[in-house]
């Protein structure tokens, strides 16, 4: 059962993290990062509203290149129309597409959802499978989506990695992988398995609230300030300076 995110009830003053730069092994760095994330987000909520594995699966498919907020605005109407695999399979593509029209890539996602629903009915008795291998066979379901469903619907330890977690792992020196799949391998190696599912959510919230992709001063970040390499900090500070200058020029231009 979904519970609304409660990420604003922490007193940030109570989270005191030493900013001193010290040399740490990757394992030592991971241990310190895990402690910081636990201090900020001891009970991270699942951000996508859902009632069961199927509605979670649908929500995660819809979330690609779309905000969780927008997905949560769209899914109540969709689930009223087709809240089970059987009902979704019985809907026309136009009905599904219309219900999710405000979500990015609606036509492609509508096709994926209808095909997935049909496959669940025909091959899995109308139930979402609880194995990675079966999940990734479903249309529109990749590694990240499958891992989210395993972690959040079936309480299996998994470390879903999207572009945002991939970015944070690189920024913090936890992975040098060129893609999300490689980053997943690295993160699973350095963090204890018992923490994977929770860390996924903690990193998502931390990235949104404290470590955004753009216009971020790494020197003031509770993690980047000590975890990012000097070269990384220097490069991102240059980018931040360029963005600031470009914004000033834009405002000054009549």
C-alpha atoms as a PDB file:
ATOM      1  CA  UNK A   1       0.000   0.000   0.000  1.00  0.00           C
ATOM      2  CA  UNK A   2       1.331   3.399  -0.943  1.00  0.00           C
ATOM      3  CA  UNK A   3       2.145   5.966   1.683  1.00  0.00           C
ATOM      4  CA  UNK A   4       2.913   9.554   0.761  1.00  0.00           C
ATOM      5  CA  UNK A   5       6.585  10.541   0.797  1.00  0.00           C
ATOM      6  CA  UNK A   6       7.617  12.253   3.993  1.00  0.00           C
ATOM      7  CA  UNK A   7      11.005  13.685   3.196  1.00  0.00           C
ATOM      8  CA  UNK A   8      10.585  17.167   4.666  1.00  0.00           C
ATOM      9  CA  UNK A   9      10.135  16.328   8.323  1.00  0.00           C
ATOM     10  CA  UNK A  10      13.813  16.050   9.082  1.00  0.00           C
ATOM     11  CA  UNK A  11      15.724  18.741  10.846  1.00  0.00           C
ATOM     12  CA  UNK A  12      18.711  19.203   8.617  1.00  0.00           C
ATOM     13  CA  UNK A  13      20.509  20.822  11.512  1.00  0.00           C
ATOM     14  CA  UNK A  14      20.410  17.471  13.275  1.00  0.00           C
ATOM     15  CA  UNK A  15      22.300  15.817  10.442  1.00  0.00           C
ATOM     16  CA  UNK A  16      25.883  16.794  11.108  1.00  0.00           C
ATOM     17  CA  UNK A  17      28.368  15.400   8.624  1.00  0.00           C
ATOM     18  CA  UNK A  18      32.085  16.097   8.744  1.00  0.00           C
ATOM     19  CA  UNK A  19      33.222  17.756   5.548  1.00  0.00           C
ATOM     20  CA  UNK A  20      36.931  17.040   5.999  1.00  0.00           C
ATOM     21  CA  UNK A  21      38.443  15.500   2.897  1.00  0.00           C
ATOM     22  CA  UNK A  22      40.231  12.265   3.732  1.00  0.00           C
ATOM     23  CA  UNK A  23      41.457   9.377   1.632  1.00  0.00           C
ATOM     24  CA  UNK A  24      39.013   6.492   1.806  1.00  0.00           C
ATOM     25  CA  UNK A  25      38.858   3.194   0.017  1.00  0.00           C
ATOM     26  CA  UNK A  26      35.782   2.726  -2.145  1.00  0.00           C
ATOM     27  CA  UNK A  27      34.371   0.427   0.539  1.00  0.00           C
ATOM     28  CA  UNK A  28      35.074   2.989   3.242  1.00  0.00           C
ATOM     29  CA  UNK A  29      33.494   5.702   1.153  1.00  0.00           C
ATOM     30  CA  UNK A  30      30.414   3.551   0.584  1.00  0.00           C
ATOM     31  CA  UNK A  31      30.068   2.911   4.315  1.00  0.00           C
ATOM     32  CA  UNK A  32      30.206   6.621   5.098  1.00  0.00           C
ATOM     33  CA  UNK A  33      27.730   7.472   2.317  1.00  0.00           C
ATOM     34  CA  UNK A  34      25.307   4.830   3.578  1.00  0.00           C
ATOM     35  CA  UNK A  35      25.474   6.370   7.065  1.00  0.00           C
ATOM     36  CA  UNK A  36      24.774   9.864   5.715  1.00  0.00           C
ATOM     37  CA  UNK A  37      21.846   8.692   3.609  1.00  0.00           C
ATOM     38  CA  UNK A  38      20.419   6.813   6.589  1.00  0.00           C
ATOM     39  CA  UNK A  39      20.639   9.990   8.677  1.00  0.00           C
ATOM     40  CA  UNK A  40      18.769  12.003   6.049  1.00  0.00           C
ATOM     41  CA  UNK A  41      16.223   9.338   5.046  1.00  0.00           C
ATOM     42  CA  UNK A  42      15.736   6.649   7.707  1.00  0.00           C
ATOM     43  CA  UNK A  43      12.358   5.616   6.248  1.00  0.00           C
ATOM     44  CA  UNK A  44      12.199   6.559   2.556  1.00  0.00           C
ATOM     45  CA  UNK A  45       8.713   6.186   1.090  1.00  0.00           C
ATOM     46  CA  UNK A  46       7.986   4.622  -2.282  1.00  0.00           C
ATOM     47  CA  UNK A  47       7.274   7.643  -4.515  1.00  0.00           C
ATOM     48  CA  UNK A  48       4.887   5.981  -6.984  1.00  0.00           C
ATOM     49  CA  UNK A  49       1.312   5.381  -5.822  1.00  0.00           C
ATOM     50  CA  UNK A  50       0.255   1.767  -6.195  1.00  0.00           C
ATOM     51  CA  UNK A  51      -1.920  -0.889  -4.613  1.00  0.00           C
ATOM     52  CA  UNK A  52      -0.334  -4.139  -5.817  1.00  0.00           C
ATOM     53  CA  UNK A  53       2.480  -5.479  -8.028  1.00  0.00           C
ATOM     54  CA  UNK A  54       0.544  -4.791 -11.247  1.00  0.00           C
ATOM     55  CA  UNK A  55      -0.231  -1.143 -10.492  1.00  0.00           C
ATOM     56  CA  UNK A  56       3.380  -0.645  -9.402  1.00  0.00           C
ATOM     57  CA  UNK A  57       4.654  -2.221 -12.619  1.00  0.00           C
ATOM     58  CA  UNK A  58       2.416   0.056 -14.694  1.00  0.00           C
ATOM     59  CA  UNK A  59       3.529   3.130 -12.739  1.00  0.00           C
ATOM     60  CA  UNK A  60       7.207   2.333 -13.186  1.00  0.00           C
ATOM     61  CA  UNK A  61       6.759   1.805 -16.940  1.00  0.00           C
ATOM     62  CA  UNK A  62       4.989   5.162 -17.156  1.00  0.00           C
ATOM     63  CA  UNK A  63       7.725   6.924 -15.153  1.00  0.00           C
ATOM     64  CA  UNK A  64      10.353   6.658 -17.902  1.00  0.00           C
ATOM     65  CA  UNK A  65      11.255  10.215 -18.986  1.00  0.00           C
ATOM     66  CA  UNK A  66       8.390  11.517 -16.832  1.00  0.00           C
ATOM     67  CA  UNK A  67       8.277  12.762 -13.255  1.00  0.00           C
ATOM     68  CA  UNK A  68       6.805  10.653 -10.480  1.00  0.00           C
ATOM     69  CA  UNK A  69       4.465  13.563  -9.721  1.00  0.00           C
ATOM     70  CA  UNK A  70       2.980  13.437 -13.208  1.00  0.00           C
ATOM     71  CA  UNK A  71       2.626   9.646 -13.080  1.00  0.00           C
ATOM     72  CA  UNK A  72       0.769   9.912  -9.768  1.00  0.00           C
ATOM     73  CA  UNK A  73      -1.591  12.430 -11.347  1.00  0.00           C
ATOM     74  CA  UNK A  74      -2.364  10.139 -14.279  1.00  0.00           C
ATOM     75  CA  UNK A  75      -2.623   6.688 -12.721  1.00  0.00           C
ATOM     76  CA  UNK A  76      -5.825   7.128 -10.657  1.00  0.00           C
ATOM     77  CA  UNK A  77      -7.841   7.543 -13.860  1.00  0.00           C
ATOM     78  CA  UNK A  78      -5.953   4.757 -15.596  1.00  0.00           C
ATOM     79  CA  UNK A  79      -6.443   2.323 -12.731  1.00  0.00           C
ATOM     80  CA  UNK A  80     -10.135   3.169 -12.494  1.00  0.00           C
ATOM     81  CA  UNK A  81     -10.345   2.077 -16.136  1.00  0.00           C
ATOM     82  CA  UNK A  82      -7.901  -0.823 -16.047  1.00  0.00           C
ATOM     83  CA  UNK A  83      -6.509  -1.720 -12.645  1.00  0.00           C
ATOM     84  CA  UNK A  84      -5.872  -5.394 -13.418  1.00  0.00           C
ATOM     85  CA  UNK A  85      -4.047  -7.203 -16.233  1.00  0.00           C
ATOM     86  CA  UNK A  86      -7.344  -8.598 -17.548  1.00  0.00           C
ATOM     87  CA  UNK A  87      -9.003  -5.181 -17.689  1.00  0.00           C
ATOM     88  CA  UNK A  88      -5.920  -3.579 -19.263  1.00  0.00           C
ATOM     89  CA  UNK A  89      -5.725  -6.313 -21.896  1.00  0.00           C
ATOM     90  CA  UNK A  90      -9.400  -5.771 -22.736  1.00  0.00           C
ATOM     91  CA  UNK A  91      -8.925  -2.033 -23.304  1.00  0.00           C
ATOM     92  CA  UNK A  92      -8.215  -0.625 -26.724  1.00  0.00           C
ATOM     93  CA  UNK A  93      -4.926   1.105 -27.399  1.00  0.00           C
ATOM     94  CA  UNK A  94      -6.814   4.360 -27.823  1.00  0.00           C
ATOM     95  CA  UNK A  95      -8.424   4.028 -24.388  1.00  0.00           C
ATOM     96  CA  UNK A  96      -5.060   3.452 -22.719  1.00  0.00           C
ATOM     97  CA  UNK A  97      -3.342   6.185 -24.690  1.00  0.00           C
ATOM     98  CA  UNK A  98      -6.070   8.681 -23.834  1.00  0.00           C
ATOM     99  CA  UNK A  99      -5.828   7.820 -20.140  1.00  0.00           C
ATOM    100  CA  UNK A 100      -2.056   8.458 -20.116  1.00  0.00           C
ATOM    101  CA  UNK A 101      -1.914  11.237 -22.728  1.00  0.00           C
ATOM    102  CA  UNK A 102      -0.241  13.689 -20.320  1.00  0.00           C
ATOM    103  CA  UNK A 103       2.706  11.338 -19.822  1.00  0.00           C
ATOM    104  CA  UNK A 104       5.703  11.515 -22.140  1.00  0.00           C
ATOM    105  CA  UNK A 105       5.894   8.894 -24.893  1.00  0.00           C
ATOM    106  CA  UNK A 106       2.229   8.001 -24.328  1.00  0.00           C
ATOM    107  CA  UNK A 107       1.711   6.090 -27.626  1.00  0.00           C
ATOM    108  CA  UNK A 108       4.718   3.810 -27.058  1.00  0.00           C
ATOM    109  CA  UNK A 109       3.853   3.269 -23.396  1.00  0.00           C
ATOM    110  CA  UNK A 110       0.221   2.478 -24.243  1.00  0.00           C
ATOM    111  CA  UNK A 111       1.356  -0.284 -26.602  1.00  0.00           C
ATOM    112  CA  UNK A 112       3.796  -1.648 -24.030  1.00  0.00           C
ATOM    113  CA  UNK A 113       1.148  -1.680 -21.300  1.00  0.00           C
ATOM    114  CA  UNK A 114      -1.441  -3.470 -23.431  1.00  0.00           C
ATOM    115  CA  UNK A 115       1.079  -6.077 -24.625  1.00  0.00           C
ATOM    116  CA  UNK A 116       2.340  -6.568 -21.069  1.00  0.00           C
ATOM    117  CA  UNK A 117      -1.199  -7.056 -19.769  1.00  0.00           C
ATOM    118  CA  UNK A 118      -1.922  -9.597 -22.501  1.00  0.00           C
ATOM    119  CA  UNK A 119       1.264 -11.502 -21.688  1.00  0.00           C
ATOM    120  CA  UNK A 120       0.476 -11.515 -17.973  1.00  0.00           C
ATOM    121  CA  UNK A 121      -2.961 -12.978 -18.693  1.00  0.00           C
ATOM    122  CA  UNK A 122      -1.761 -15.545 -21.224  1.00  0.00           C
ATOM    123  CA  UNK A 123       1.495 -16.676 -19.608  1.00  0.00           C
ATOM    124  CA  UNK A 124       1.300 -15.836 -15.910  1.00  0.00           C
ATOM    125  CA  UNK A 125      -2.317 -16.346 -14.914  1.00  0.00           C
ATOM    126  CA  UNK A 126      -2.958 -12.625 -14.650  1.00  0.00           C
ATOM    127  CA  UNK A 127      -0.222 -12.120 -12.052  1.00  0.00           C
ATOM    128  CA  UNK A 128       3.037 -10.194 -12.138  1.00  0.00           C
ATOM    129  CA  UNK A 129       5.933 -12.678 -11.942  1.00  0.00           C
ATOM    130  CA  UNK A 130       8.345 -12.362  -9.042  1.00  0.00           C
ATOM    131  CA  UNK A 131      11.539 -13.255 -10.916  1.00  0.00           C
ATOM    132  CA  UNK A 132      13.908 -10.971 -12.771  1.00  0.00           C
ATOM    133  CA  UNK A 133      14.085 -13.259 -15.798  1.00  0.00           C
ATOM    134  CA  UNK A 134      10.303 -13.301 -16.281  1.00  0.00           C
ATOM    135  CA  UNK A 135       9.904  -9.567 -15.680  1.00  0.00           C
ATOM    136  CA  UNK A 136      12.431  -8.469 -18.310  1.00  0.00           C
ATOM    137  CA  UNK A 137      10.575 -10.529 -20.913  1.00  0.00           C
ATOM    138  CA  UNK A 138       7.594  -8.189 -20.564  1.00  0.00           C
ATOM    139  CA  UNK A 139       7.304  -5.365 -23.146  1.00  0.00           C
ATOM    140  CA  UNK A 140       8.703  -2.079 -21.870  1.00  0.00           C
ATOM    141  CA  UNK A 141      10.415  -3.693 -18.879  1.00  0.00           C
ATOM    142  CA  UNK A 142      14.179  -3.343 -18.578  1.00  0.00           C
ATOM    143  CA  UNK A 143      16.630  -3.994 -15.752  1.00  0.00           C
ATOM    144  CA  UNK A 144      15.685  -0.930 -13.741  1.00  0.00           C
ATOM    145  CA  UNK A 145      11.950  -1.511 -13.944  1.00  0.00           C
ATOM    146  CA  UNK A 146      12.311  -5.195 -13.082  1.00  0.00           C
ATOM    147  CA  UNK A 147      14.503  -4.390 -10.088  1.00  0.00           C
ATOM    148  CA  UNK A 148      12.067  -1.737  -8.822  1.00  0.00           C
ATOM    149  CA  UNK A 149       9.201  -4.240  -8.951  1.00  0.00           C
ATOM    150  CA  UNK A 150      11.251  -6.933  -7.204  1.00  0.00           C
ATOM    151  CA  UNK A 151      12.331  -4.519  -4.476  1.00  0.00           C
ATOM    152  CA  UNK A 152       9.109  -2.623  -3.877  1.00  0.00           C
ATOM    153  CA  UNK A 153       6.413  -5.172  -4.722  1.00  0.00           C
ATOM    154  CA  UNK A 154       8.057  -8.409  -3.622  1.00  0.00           C
ATOM    155  CA  UNK A 155      10.478  -7.228  -0.904  1.00  0.00           C
ATOM    156  CA  UNK A 156      13.472  -8.737  -2.695  1.00  0.00           C
ATOM    157  CA  UNK A 157      16.804  -6.988  -2.357  1.00  0.00           C
ATOM    158  CA  UNK A 158      17.643  -5.264  -5.654  1.00  0.00           C
ATOM    159  CA  UNK A 159      19.493  -2.086  -6.635  1.00  0.00           C
ATOM    160  CA  UNK A 160      17.583  -0.342  -9.438  1.00  0.00           C
ATOM    161  CA  UNK A 161      19.882   2.119 -11.206  1.00  0.00           C
ATOM    162  CA  UNK A 162      18.517   4.864 -13.424  1.00  0.00           C
ATOM    163  CA  UNK A 163      20.348   7.780 -15.009  1.00  0.00           C
ATOM    164  CA  UNK A 164      20.131   9.803 -11.781  1.00  0.00           C
ATOM    165  CA  UNK A 165      21.683   7.129  -9.554  1.00  0.00           C
ATOM    166  CA  UNK A 166      24.251   6.477 -12.295  1.00  0.00           C
ATOM    167  CA  UNK A 167      25.160  10.176 -12.124  1.00  0.00           C
ATOM    168  CA  UNK A 168      25.442  10.212  -8.333  1.00  0.00           C
ATOM    169  CA  UNK A 169      27.584   7.080  -8.247  1.00  0.00           C
ATOM    170  CA  UNK A 170      29.992   8.653 -10.715  1.00  0.00           C
ATOM    171  CA  UNK A 171      30.004  11.991  -8.925  1.00  0.00           C
ATOM    172  CA  UNK A 172      30.757  10.287  -5.594  1.00  0.00           C
ATOM    173  CA  UNK A 173      33.511   8.087  -6.975  1.00  0.00           C
ATOM    174  CA  UNK A 174      31.636   4.833  -6.404  1.00  0.00           C
ATOM    175  CA  UNK A 175      31.681   3.756 -10.041  1.00  0.00           C
ATOM    176  CA  UNK A 176      33.478   4.545 -13.269  1.00  0.00           C
ATOM    177  CA  UNK A 177      30.999   2.608 -15.384  1.00  0.00           C
ATOM    178  CA  UNK A 178      29.825   4.210 -18.611  1.00  0.00           C
ATOM    179  CA  UNK A 179      26.222   3.083 -18.250  1.00  0.00           C
ATOM    180  CA  UNK A 180      23.593   2.261 -15.638  1.00  0.00           C
ATOM    181  CA  UNK A 181      24.057  -1.505 -15.950  1.00  0.00           C
ATOM    182  CA  UNK A 182      27.752  -1.233 -15.124  1.00  0.00           C
ATOM    183  CA  UNK A 183      26.999   1.102 -12.235  1.00  0.00           C
ATOM    184  CA  UNK A 184      24.516  -1.426 -10.843  1.00  0.00           C
ATOM    185  CA  UNK A 185      27.249  -4.069 -10.792  1.00  0.00           C
ATOM    186  CA  UNK A 186      29.634  -1.709  -8.981  1.00  0.00           C
ATOM    187  CA  UNK A 187      27.080  -0.607  -6.376  1.00  0.00           C
ATOM    188  CA  UNK A 188      26.028  -4.174  -5.657  1.00  0.00           C
ATOM    189  CA  UNK A 189      29.663  -5.068  -5.050  1.00  0.00           C
ATOM    190  CA  UNK A 190      30.420  -2.325  -2.538  1.00  0.00           C
ATOM    191  CA  UNK A 191      27.168  -2.063  -0.568  1.00  0.00           C
ATOM    192  CA  UNK A 192      25.815  -4.884   1.636  1.00  0.00           C
ATOM    193  CA  UNK A 193      22.956  -6.727  -0.052  1.00  0.00           C
ATOM    194  CA  UNK A 194      20.631  -5.983   2.881  1.00  0.00           C
ATOM    195  CA  UNK A 195      20.839  -2.255   2.057  1.00  0.00           C
ATOM    196  CA  UNK A 196      20.286  -2.315  -1.711  1.00  0.00           C
ATOM    197  CA  UNK A 197      16.561  -1.605  -1.973  1.00  0.00           C
ATOM    198  CA  UNK A 198      16.601   1.098   0.685  1.00  0.00           C
ATOM    199  CA  UNK A 199      19.712   2.770  -0.708  1.00  0.00           C
ATOM    200  CA  UNK A 200      18.030   3.039  -4.099  1.00  0.00           C
ATOM    201  CA  UNK A 201      15.260   5.174  -2.589  1.00  0.00           C
ATOM    202  CA  UNK A 202      17.619   7.116  -0.339  1.00  0.00           C
ATOM    203  CA  UNK A 203      19.814   8.063  -3.298  1.00  0.00           C
ATOM    204  CA  UNK A 204      16.785   9.156  -5.318  1.00  0.00           C
ATOM    205  CA  UNK A 205      15.595  11.501  -2.584  1.00  0.00           C
ATOM    206  CA  UNK A 206      19.074  12.817  -1.833  1.00  0.00           C
ATOM    207  CA  UNK A 207      19.687  13.529  -5.505  1.00  0.00           C
ATOM    208  CA  UNK A 208      16.417  15.436  -5.821  1.00  0.00           C
ATOM    209  CA  UNK A 209      16.783  17.482  -2.658  1.00  0.00           C
ATOM    210  CA  UNK A 210      20.519  17.942  -2.136  1.00  0.00           C
ATOM    211  CA  UNK A 211      22.515  16.818  -5.182  1.00  0.00           C
ATOM    212  CA  UNK A 212      20.805  17.923  -8.432  1.00  0.00           C
ATOM    213  CA  UNK A 213      22.347  17.404 -11.837  1.00  0.00           C
ATOM    214  CA  UNK A 214      22.530  21.099 -12.750  1.00  0.00           C
ATOM    215  CA  UNK A 215      23.686  24.239 -10.925  1.00  0.00           C
ATOM    216  CA  UNK A 216      25.026  22.232  -7.991  1.00  0.00           C
ATOM    217  CA  UNK A 217      27.902  23.482  -5.845  1.00  0.00           C
ATOM    218  CA  UNK A 218      29.702  20.286  -4.904  1.00  0.00           C
ATOM    219  CA  UNK A 219      31.738  22.038  -2.208  1.00  0.00           C
ATOM    220  CA  UNK A 220      28.621  22.605  -0.073  1.00  0.00           C
ATOM    221  CA  UNK A 221      27.059  19.159  -0.593  1.00  0.00           C
ATOM    222  CA  UNK A 222      27.047  16.817   2.447  1.00  0.00           C
ATOM    223  CA  UNK A 223      28.460  14.023   0.270  1.00  0.00           C
ATOM    224  CA  UNK A 224      30.120  15.587  -2.777  1.00  0.00           C
ATOM    225  CA  UNK A 225      32.210  17.933  -0.623  1.00  0.00           C
ATOM    226  CA  UNK A 226      34.353  15.026   0.558  1.00  0.00           C
ATOM    227  CA  UNK A 227      33.488  12.128  -1.780  1.00  0.00           C
ATOM    228  CA  UNK A 228      33.924  13.766  -5.183  1.00  0.00           C
ATOM    229  CA  UNK A 229      37.442  13.964  -6.584  1.00  0.00           C
ATOM    230  CA  UNK A 230      39.170  17.328  -6.814  1.00  0.00           C
ATOM    231  CA  UNK A 231      39.038  17.011 -10.595  1.00  0.00           C
ATOM    232  CA  UNK A 232      35.299  16.351 -10.530  1.00  0.00           C
ATOM    233  CA  UNK A 233      34.678  19.326  -8.261  1.00  0.00           C
ATOM    234  CA  UNK A 234      36.835  21.541 -10.466  1.00  0.00           C
ATOM    235  CA  UNK A 235      35.055  20.460 -13.663  1.00  0.00           C
ATOM    236  CA  UNK A 236      31.582  20.930 -12.231  1.00  0.00           C
ATOM    237  CA  UNK A 237      32.510  24.294 -10.723  1.00  0.00           C
ATOM    238  CA  UNK A 238      33.584  25.417 -14.188  1.00  0.00           C
ATOM    239  CA  UNK A 239      30.264  24.267 -15.603  1.00  0.00           C
ATOM    240  CA  UNK A 240      28.443  26.058 -12.800  1.00  0.00           C
ATOM    241  CA  UNK A 241      30.370  29.253 -13.516  1.00  0.00           C
ATOM    242  CA  UNK A 242      29.626  29.061 -17.245  1.00  0.00           C
ATOM    243  CA  UNK A 243      25.931  28.501 -16.574  1.00  0.00           C
ATOM    244  CA  UNK A 244      25.866  31.466 -14.193  1.00  0.00           C
ATOM    245  CA  UNK A 245      27.553  33.740 -16.737  1.00  0.00           C
ATOM    246  CA  UNK A 246      25.233  32.583 -19.506  1.00  0.00           C
ATOM    247  CA  UNK A 247      22.204  33.268 -17.294  1.00  0.00           C
ATOM    248  CA  UNK A 248      23.509  36.775 -16.479  1.00  0.00           C
ATOM    249  CA  UNK A 249      24.079  37.572 -20.157  1.00  0.00           C
ATOM    250  CA  UNK A 250      20.581  36.342 -20.994  1.00  0.00           C
ATOM    251  CA  UNK A 251      19.035  38.579 -18.318  1.00  0.00           C
ATOM    252  CA  UNK A 252      21.089  41.600 -19.390  1.00  0.00           C
ATOM    253  CA  UNK A 253      20.218  41.211 -23.059  1.00  0.00           C
ATOM    254  CA  UNK A 254      17.313  43.518 -24.007  1.00  0.00           C
END
